[in-house]
Amino acid sequence: MSSGVKVAPECLEAYQALKLGKKVKYIIFKLSPDNTEIVVSKQSESDDYDEFLEHLPPGECCYAVYDVSYQKGEEGKRNKICFFTWSPDDSKIKQKMLYASSKDALRKSLVGISSEIQGTDMSEVAHETVLEKVSRSTF
């Protein structure tokens, strides 16, 4: 089911800067105040994963894209772009439903995502958990 929420052009521009420009490390997206559009909430060039986690709002849903760097044995350093759906357990039911039904609009417009992470608490988005998932995936 789709909510009819649109993706703002700035979301795609920010994503292109992350994917092609390699300057932006992560982007956090949220719904506009009137719940009609997905907009950029924050973008950063910092590769401090803990800083990224601090920007996931407690008690509120959001989406995020993070360019994960990791070492893959002898093959060397790798990067994979992860899409996060942040839906904490203590966020409002109506908000969770709206974000869940709007996710595909954003997800389908961001070409080149290699992993998806669903987070309801910090343990599900912890650095070790994400590294384990991206290093396993075969994209």
N, C-alpha and C. Protein backbone atom coordinates (compact mmCIF):
# COMPACT_ATOMS: atom_id res chain seq x y z
N MET A 1 0.84 -1.18 0.00
CA MET A 1 0.00 0.00 0.00
C MET A 1 0.88 1.25 0.00
N SER A 2 0.49 2.21 -0.80
CA SER A 2 1.25 3.46 -0.89
C SER A 2 0.46 4.58 -0.25
N SER A 3 1.18 5.49 0.39
CA SER A 3 0.51 6.58 1.11
C SER A 3 0.27 7.79 0.22
N GLY A 4 0.86 7.82 -0.97
CA GLY A 4 0.72 8.97 -1.86
C GLY A 4 1.73 10.07 -1.56
N VAL A 5 2.64 9.83 -0.63
CA VAL A 5 3.67 10.81 -0.28
C VAL A 5 4.67 10.89 -1.43
N LYS A 6 5.06 12.09 -1.79
CA LYS A 6 6.02 12.32 -2.88
C LYS A 6 7.44 12.47 -2.32
N VAL A 7 8.41 12.28 -3.19
CA VAL A 7 9.82 12.47 -2.82
C VAL A 7 10.27 13.82 -3.37
N ALA A 8 10.75 14.69 -2.50
CA ALA A 8 11.22 16.01 -2.91
C ALA A 8 12.46 15.86 -3.79
N PRO A 9 12.62 16.70 -4.81
CA PRO A 9 13.80 16.64 -5.68
C PRO A 9 15.12 16.76 -4.91
N GLU A 10 15.11 17.49 -3.80
CA GLU A 10 16.33 17.66 -3.01
C GLU A 10 16.83 16.32 -2.46
N CYS A 11 15.94 15.37 -2.27
CA CYS A 11 16.35 14.04 -1.79
C CYS A 11 17.23 13.35 -2.82
N LEU A 12 16.82 13.42 -4.07
CA LEU A 12 17.59 12.78 -5.14
C LEU A 12 18.92 13.50 -5.37
N GLU A 13 18.91 14.82 -5.26
CA GLU A 13 20.15 15.60 -5.41
C GLU A 13 21.15 15.23 -4.30
N ALA A 14 20.66 15.15 -3.07
CA ALA A 14 21.53 14.79 -1.95
C ALA A 14 22.08 13.37 -2.13
N TYR A 15 21.22 12.46 -2.59
CA TYR A 15 21.64 11.08 -2.79
C TYR A 15 22.71 10.99 -3.88
N GLN A 16 22.56 11.74 -4.94
CA GLN A 16 23.57 11.74 -6.01
C GLN A 16 24.91 12.26 -5.49
N ALA A 17 24.87 13.26 -4.60
CA ALA A 17 26.10 13.79 -4.00
C ALA A 17 26.79 12.71 -3.16
N LEU A 18 26.00 11.88 -2.48
CA LEU A 18 26.55 10.79 -1.69
C LEU A 18 27.10 9.70 -2.60
N LYS A 19 26.30 9.28 -3.57
CA LYS A 19 26.65 8.14 -4.41
C LYS A 19 27.77 8.46 -5.39
N LEU A 20 27.67 9.57 -6.09
CA LEU A 20 28.64 9.90 -7.13
C LEU A 20 29.75 10.82 -6.66
N GLY A 21 29.39 11.81 -5.86
CA GLY A 21 30.37 12.78 -5.40
C GLY A 21 31.25 12.27 -4.28
N LYS A 22 30.76 11.27 -3.56
CA LYS A 22 31.49 10.67 -2.42
C LYS A 22 31.90 11.71 -1.37
N LYS A 23 31.23 12.86 -1.37
CA LYS A 23 31.53 13.87 -0.35
C LYS A 23 30.63 13.68 0.87
N VAL A 24 29.37 13.39 0.63
CA VAL A 24 28.40 13.20 1.71
C VAL A 24 28.49 11.76 2.18
N LYS A 25 28.52 11.56 3.51
CA LYS A 25 28.64 10.21 4.07
C LYS A 25 27.26 9.63 4.44
N TYR A 26 26.37 10.52 4.93
CA TYR A 26 25.03 10.04 5.23
C TYR A 26 23.99 11.15 5.07
N ILE A 27 22.76 10.70 4.84
CA ILE A 27 21.62 11.60 4.68
C ILE A 27 20.48 11.05 5.54
N ILE A 28 19.80 11.94 6.23
CA ILE A 28 18.61 11.55 7.00
C ILE A 28 17.41 12.24 6.35
N PHE A 29 16.38 11.45 6.08
CA PHE A 29 15.16 11.94 5.45
C PHE A 29 14.00 11.87 6.44
N LYS A 30 13.06 12.79 6.30
CA LYS A 30 11.85 12.73 7.13
C LYS A 30 10.67 13.22 6.30
N LEU A 31 9.49 13.05 6.84
CA LEU A 31 8.29 13.57 6.18
C LEU A 31 8.15 15.05 6.49
N SER A 32 7.66 15.81 5.52
CA SER A 32 7.41 17.23 5.73
C SER A 32 6.33 17.39 6.81
N PRO A 33 6.24 18.58 7.42
CA PRO A 33 5.25 18.78 8.49
C PRO A 33 3.81 18.44 8.09
N ASP A 34 3.47 18.63 6.80
CA ASP A 34 2.10 18.31 6.37
C ASP A 34 1.97 16.87 5.85
N ASN A 35 3.04 16.07 6.00
CA ASN A 35 3.06 14.64 5.62
C ASN A 35 2.75 14.38 4.15
N THR A 36 3.13 15.31 3.26
CA THR A 36 2.86 15.11 1.84
C THR A 36 4.12 14.81 1.04
N GLU A 37 5.30 15.03 1.66
CA GLU A 37 6.55 14.91 0.91
C GLU A 37 7.67 14.42 1.82
N ILE A 38 8.57 13.63 1.25
CA ILE A 38 9.78 13.22 1.96
C ILE A 38 10.86 14.24 1.64
N VAL A 39 11.48 14.79 2.68
CA VAL A 39 12.48 15.85 2.52
C VAL A 39 13.77 15.46 3.24
N VAL A 40 14.85 16.19 2.93
CA VAL A 40 16.14 15.96 3.60
C VAL A 40 16.11 16.66 4.95
N SER A 41 16.39 15.92 6.00
CA SER A 41 16.45 16.47 7.35
C SER A 41 17.88 16.90 7.69
N LYS A 42 18.85 16.05 7.29
CA LYS A 42 20.26 16.33 7.59
C LYS A 42 21.13 15.56 6.62
N GLN A 43 22.25 16.16 6.26
CA GLN A 43 23.29 15.43 5.54
C GLN A 43 24.64 15.83 6.10
N SER A 44 25.57 14.89 6.08
CA SER A 44 26.85 15.15 6.71
C SER A 44 27.98 14.47 5.94
N GLU A 45 29.15 15.09 6.03
CA GLU A 45 30.35 14.52 5.43
C GLU A 45 31.16 13.72 6.45
N SER A 46 30.71 13.74 7.71
CA SER A 46 31.43 13.05 8.77
C SER A 46 31.27 11.53 8.64
N ASP A 47 32.37 10.80 8.78
CA ASP A 47 32.26 9.34 8.72
C ASP A 47 32.25 8.71 10.11
N ASP A 48 31.89 9.49 11.10
CA ASP A 48 31.75 9.00 12.47
C ASP A 48 30.37 8.35 12.61
N TYR A 49 30.36 7.01 12.67
CA TYR A 49 29.09 6.28 12.72
C TYR A 49 28.28 6.62 13.97
N ASP A 50 28.96 6.83 15.09
CA ASP A 50 28.25 7.19 16.32
C ASP A 50 27.52 8.53 16.17
N GLU A 51 28.13 9.45 15.44
CA GLU A 51 27.48 10.74 15.18
C GLU A 51 26.20 10.52 14.35
N PHE A 52 26.30 9.64 13.36
CA PHE A 52 25.13 9.29 12.55
C PHE A 52 24.00 8.76 13.44
N LEU A 53 24.35 7.84 14.35
CA LEU A 53 23.33 7.27 15.24
C LEU A 53 22.69 8.33 16.14
N GLU A 54 23.47 9.32 16.55
CA GLU A 54 22.94 10.40 17.39
C GLU A 54 21.86 11.21 16.66
N HIS A 55 21.90 11.20 15.34
CA HIS A 55 20.93 11.97 14.56
C HIS A 55 19.67 11.18 14.23
N LEU A 56 19.62 9.91 14.62
CA LEU A 56 18.37 9.16 14.49
C LEU A 56 17.49 9.58 15.66
N PRO A 57 16.37 10.24 15.37
CA PRO A 57 15.58 10.85 16.45
C PRO A 57 14.92 9.81 17.37
N PRO A 58 15.10 9.96 18.68
CA PRO A 58 14.44 9.03 19.60
C PRO A 58 12.92 9.27 19.57
N GLY A 59 12.17 8.20 19.46
CA GLY A 59 10.71 8.31 19.48
C GLY A 59 10.09 8.82 18.20
N GLU A 60 10.90 9.00 17.14
CA GLU A 60 10.37 9.47 15.86
C GLU A 60 10.94 8.64 14.72
N CYS A 61 10.13 8.41 13.71
CA CYS A 61 10.56 7.64 12.55
C CYS A 61 11.34 8.53 11.58
N CYS A 62 12.19 7.90 10.79
CA CYS A 62 12.87 8.58 9.69
C CYS A 62 13.47 7.52 8.77
N TYR A 63 14.00 7.99 7.66
CA TYR A 63 14.76 7.14 6.76
C TYR A 63 16.18 7.69 6.73
N ALA A 64 17.13 6.86 6.36
CA ALA A 64 18.50 7.34 6.24
C ALA A 64 19.23 6.52 5.19
N VAL A 65 20.26 7.12 4.64
CA VAL A 65 21.16 6.43 3.73
C VAL A 65 22.57 6.68 4.26
N TYR A 66 23.35 5.60 4.38
CA TYR A 66 24.71 5.71 4.91
C TYR A 66 25.65 4.94 3.98
N ASP A 67 26.77 5.56 3.63
CA ASP A 67 27.78 4.93 2.80
C ASP A 67 28.76 4.20 3.72
N VAL A 68 28.55 2.91 3.87
CA VAL A 68 29.33 2.10 4.80
C VAL A 68 30.65 1.66 4.16
N SER A 69 31.76 1.94 4.85
CA SER A 69 33.08 1.47 4.42
C SER A 69 33.48 0.31 5.31
N TYR A 70 34.04 -0.72 4.70
CA TYR A 70 34.48 -1.87 5.50
C TYR A 70 35.61 -2.59 4.77
N GLN A 71 36.33 -3.39 5.51
CA GLN A 71 37.45 -4.17 4.98
C GLN A 71 36.94 -5.57 4.67
N LYS A 72 37.22 -6.07 3.46
CA LYS A 72 36.82 -7.43 3.12
C LYS A 72 38.06 -8.27 2.86
N GLY A 73 38.63 -8.76 3.93
CA GLY A 73 39.80 -9.64 3.86
C GLY A 73 40.88 -9.16 2.91
N GLU A 74 41.33 -10.06 2.04
CA GLU A 74 42.39 -9.76 1.08
C GLU A 74 41.93 -8.84 -0.04
N GLU A 75 40.61 -8.76 -0.22
CA GLU A 75 40.06 -7.98 -1.33
C GLU A 75 40.14 -6.48 -1.10
N GLY A 76 40.41 -6.08 0.14
CA GLY A 76 40.60 -4.66 0.44
C GLY A 76 39.35 -3.95 0.90
N LYS A 77 39.41 -2.63 0.82
CA LYS A 77 38.34 -1.79 1.33
C LYS A 77 37.16 -1.76 0.37
N ARG A 78 35.96 -1.83 0.92
CA ARG A 78 34.73 -1.81 0.14
C ARG A 78 33.80 -0.72 0.68
N ASN A 79 32.87 -0.29 -0.17
CA ASN A 79 31.82 0.63 0.24
C ASN A 79 30.48 0.08 -0.24
N LYS A 80 29.50 0.16 0.61
CA LYS A 80 28.13 -0.21 0.22
C LYS A 80 27.19 0.83 0.79
N ILE A 81 26.21 1.18 0.00
CA ILE A 81 25.22 2.16 0.44
C ILE A 81 24.06 1.42 1.08
N CYS A 82 23.79 1.78 2.33
CA CYS A 82 22.71 1.15 3.10
C CYS A 82 21.53 2.10 3.25
N PHE A 83 20.35 1.54 3.11
CA PHE A 83 19.11 2.29 3.34
C PHE A 83 18.56 1.87 4.69
N PHE A 84 18.32 2.84 5.56
CA PHE A 84 17.80 2.57 6.90
C PHE A 84 16.35 3.03 7.00
N THR A 85 15.52 2.20 7.58
CA THR A 85 14.18 2.61 7.99
C THR A 85 14.21 2.60 9.51
N TRP A 86 14.16 3.78 10.10
CA TRP A 86 14.22 3.93 11.56
C TRP A 86 12.80 4.12 12.07
N SER A 87 12.32 3.16 12.85
CA SER A 87 10.96 3.18 13.38
C SER A 87 11.01 2.69 14.83
N PRO A 88 11.42 3.57 15.75
CA PRO A 88 11.59 3.13 17.13
C PRO A 88 10.28 2.62 17.75
N ASP A 89 10.44 1.67 18.66
CA ASP A 89 9.28 1.06 19.32
C ASP A 89 8.38 2.09 19.98
N ASP A 90 8.97 3.18 20.49
CA ASP A 90 8.17 4.16 21.23
C ASP A 90 7.62 5.30 20.36
N SER A 91 7.73 5.18 19.03
CA SER A 91 7.12 6.21 18.17
C SER A 91 5.63 5.92 18.03
N LYS A 92 4.88 6.93 17.61
CA LYS A 92 3.42 6.81 17.52
C LYS A 92 3.04 5.84 16.40
N ILE A 93 1.98 5.08 16.65
CA ILE A 93 1.50 4.07 15.70
C ILE A 93 1.18 4.70 14.35
N LYS A 94 0.47 5.84 14.35
CA LYS A 94 0.10 6.50 13.10
C LYS A 94 1.34 6.88 12.30
N GLN A 95 2.37 7.38 13.00
CA GLN A 95 3.61 7.76 12.33
C GLN A 95 4.30 6.53 11.74
N LYS A 96 4.34 5.44 12.50
CA LYS A 96 4.95 4.20 12.00
C LYS A 96 4.26 3.72 10.73
N MET A 97 2.93 3.77 10.74
CA MET A 97 2.16 3.31 9.58
C MET A 97 2.42 4.21 8.36
N LEU A 98 2.47 5.51 8.57
CA LEU A 98 2.71 6.45 7.47
C LEU A 98 4.11 6.25 6.89
N TYR A 99 5.10 6.08 7.74
CA TYR A 99 6.46 5.86 7.26
C TYR A 99 6.57 4.51 6.54
N ALA A 100 5.92 3.49 7.07
CA ALA A 100 5.97 2.17 6.43
C ALA A 100 5.33 2.21 5.05
N SER A 101 4.23 2.92 4.91
CA SER A 101 3.54 2.96 3.62
C SER A 101 4.17 3.95 2.64
N SER A 102 5.08 4.79 3.12
CA SER A 102 5.73 5.78 2.25
C SER A 102 7.13 5.35 1.83
N LYS A 103 7.66 4.33 2.47
CA LYS A 103 9.05 3.92 2.25
C LYS A 103 9.37 3.62 0.79
N ASP A 104 8.50 2.89 0.11
CA ASP A 104 8.79 2.48 -1.27
C ASP A 104 8.97 3.66 -2.21
N ALA A 105 8.26 4.75 -1.97
CA ALA A 105 8.41 5.93 -2.84
C ALA A 105 9.86 6.40 -2.82
N LEU A 106 10.45 6.47 -1.64
CA LEU A 106 11.85 6.91 -1.52
C LEU A 106 12.80 5.81 -1.96
N ARG A 107 12.59 4.62 -1.48
CA ARG A 107 13.49 3.50 -1.73
C ARG A 107 13.65 3.23 -3.22
N LYS A 108 12.56 3.29 -3.97
CA LYS A 108 12.61 3.00 -5.41
C LYS A 108 13.28 4.13 -6.20
N SER A 109 13.29 5.33 -5.66
CA SER A 109 13.91 6.44 -6.38
C SER A 109 15.42 6.52 -6.13
N LEU A 110 15.92 5.78 -5.16
CA LEU A 110 17.36 5.78 -4.84
C LEU A 110 18.01 4.54 -5.45
N VAL A 111 18.52 4.69 -6.66
CA VAL A 111 19.12 3.56 -7.38
C VAL A 111 20.54 3.32 -6.87
N GLY A 112 20.85 2.05 -6.59
CA GLY A 112 22.21 1.72 -6.16
C GLY A 112 22.33 1.35 -4.70
N ILE A 113 21.21 1.17 -4.02
CA ILE A 113 21.24 0.74 -2.61
C ILE A 113 21.60 -0.74 -2.58
N SER A 114 22.54 -1.12 -1.72
CA SER A 114 22.93 -2.52 -1.69
C SER A 114 22.38 -3.29 -0.48
N SER A 115 22.02 -2.59 0.58
CA SER A 115 21.47 -3.27 1.77
C SER A 115 20.39 -2.42 2.40
N GLU A 116 19.45 -3.10 3.04
CA GLU A 116 18.41 -2.39 3.79
C GLU A 116 18.48 -2.82 5.24
N ILE A 117 18.39 -1.84 6.12
CA ILE A 117 18.43 -2.10 7.55
C ILE A 117 17.13 -1.57 8.14
N GLN A 118 16.43 -2.42 8.87
CA GLN A 118 15.21 -2.02 9.56
C GLN A 118 15.58 -1.86 11.03
N GLY A 119 15.36 -0.68 11.60
CA GLY A 119 15.74 -0.45 12.98
C GLY A 119 14.58 -0.01 13.85
N THR A 120 14.40 -0.72 14.97
CA THR A 120 13.39 -0.32 15.95
C THR A 120 14.05 0.05 17.27
N ASP A 121 15.32 -0.33 17.43
CA ASP A 121 16.11 0.10 18.58
C ASP A 121 17.57 0.15 18.16
N MET A 122 18.42 0.73 19.00
CA MET A 122 19.82 0.97 18.65
C MET A 122 20.60 -0.31 18.36
N SER A 123 20.22 -1.44 18.96
CA SER A 123 20.97 -2.67 18.71
C SER A 123 20.84 -3.11 17.25
N GLU A 124 19.73 -2.78 16.61
CA GLU A 124 19.51 -3.19 15.22
C GLU A 124 20.25 -2.31 14.21
N VAL A 125 20.70 -1.16 14.66
CA VAL A 125 21.46 -0.26 13.77
C VAL A 125 22.89 -0.07 14.26
N ALA A 126 23.31 -0.88 15.22
CA ALA A 126 24.67 -0.79 15.75
C ALA A 126 25.66 -1.07 14.63
N HIS A 127 26.84 -0.47 14.72
CA HIS A 127 27.86 -0.58 13.68
C HIS A 127 28.20 -2.03 13.36
N GLU A 128 28.36 -2.85 14.38
CA GLU A 128 28.72 -4.26 14.18
C GLU A 128 27.61 -5.00 13.41
N THR A 129 26.36 -4.72 13.75
CA THR A 129 25.22 -5.36 13.11
C THR A 129 25.17 -4.99 11.62
N VAL A 130 25.38 -3.72 11.34
CA VAL A 130 25.36 -3.23 9.96
C VAL A 130 26.53 -3.80 9.17
N LEU A 131 27.72 -3.81 9.76
CA LEU A 131 28.90 -4.38 9.08
C LEU A 131 28.69 -5.85 8.74
N GLU A 132 28.12 -6.57 9.68
CA GLU A 132 27.86 -7.99 9.46
C GLU A 132 26.92 -8.17 8.27
N LYS A 133 25.90 -7.35 8.20
CA LYS A 133 24.93 -7.47 7.11
C LYS A 133 25.54 -7.10 5.76
N VAL A 134 26.27 -5.98 5.68
CA VAL A 134 26.82 -5.56 4.39
C VAL A 134 27.95 -6.48 3.91
N SER A 135 28.74 -7.00 4.81
CA SER A 135 29.85 -7.85 4.39
C SER A 135 29.34 -9.22 3.92
N ARG A 136 28.16 -9.61 4.35
CA ARG A 136 27.53 -10.86 3.95
C ARG A 136 26.85 -10.76 2.60
N SER A 137 26.29 -9.59 2.31
CA SER A 137 25.48 -9.44 1.09
C SER A 137 26.36 -9.58 -0.15
N THR A 138 25.77 -10.02 -1.22
CA THR A 138 26.52 -10.32 -2.44
C THR A 138 26.18 -9.36 -3.58
N PHE A 139 25.75 -8.18 -3.27
CA PHE A 139 25.39 -7.21 -4.32
C PHE A 139 26.63 -6.69 -4.99
